[in-house]
């Protein structure tokens, strides 16, 4: 076997190992969130498959969207790397592809950046619809239960009303594992579409506005910090990642002056609309039994199915979504 072929096989083996490990950890997470103990009865881990397979399908479609368009535009790109995480969280820190170069034009950059969120949302919406149909609706809790409050977006709120036939302001919804994975799909989408740096949203903003992206990116970072002070403290973690890891500015493409064509401009504005529809000002909160305050108006009470133990309720406080990684050297 040629040395080059051996390197390809070793690389493919790494992708498969990481995917397999992430399948195990997310399945464990799904089983724990379903209220079973797979360590006591190993066969109970199978109850976590609806959650893990749904979540991995969303993450895989997101990354393959980036991968397909990057290869289409001639950018050398790796297959997706999945990152396993602690089972007592959601079992994964997401996935990413590594682009060994940058698209040459703003049009190519837009195609690569927007393809991931759109591919992910195409999978997330139908599975979320199915998951909501399988979820249980109960009367609104009076604040005595322990649970996780999942933030709502315009899209999630509208879909909940359509599928469940109730006003989510006046009900407690015990999410089916498939619905929980679908909610995470929306969470991943809007975090990636934040208009900052080299996130997918940063790619879209740079492609649409060119050099004016710098001002928009800085305003975006300030808004994230403000949200941290007045809502979800996880925004501070995300702001630090953007400032010191992802970076706030977007590197210039080789052709930085040619604007998007009319079709891509419309698609870019539709992508911004997708960000608005999926945006959650306060994505997560944990309700404890000691008389917690009612959630703000933009939150709804969505509990993982059969989740009762307070130590399990920390399960989805922190989740780093998948995003394409563009080496800063390029």
Foldseek 3Di string as FASTA:
>chain_A
DDPVVVVVVVLVVQQVVQVVQLLQLLLLLQLVLQPDDCVVPVVSSNNSNLQSVLLVQLLQQLAVQLVVLCVVQPFDKAHKGWAADHSLANGGQAIAMETADARQALQSLLSNLLRRLVRSLVSLVVLLLVQLLVKDKAFDDPQQAWFKWFFDFLQRQVSNCVRVVDRLQGIAIATESSNVSSLVSLVLNLLQLQCFAPRSVVSLLCQAPFPVSLVVLVVSLVVLVVLCVVAAVCSVVVSCCQPPPRRGHYDAHNPRPDHDDPVSNVVSVVSVVSSNRSDGSHGIDIRDNPRDDDDPPRIGNYGHHPNHDPSSNCHHSDHNYYGYDYDPVD
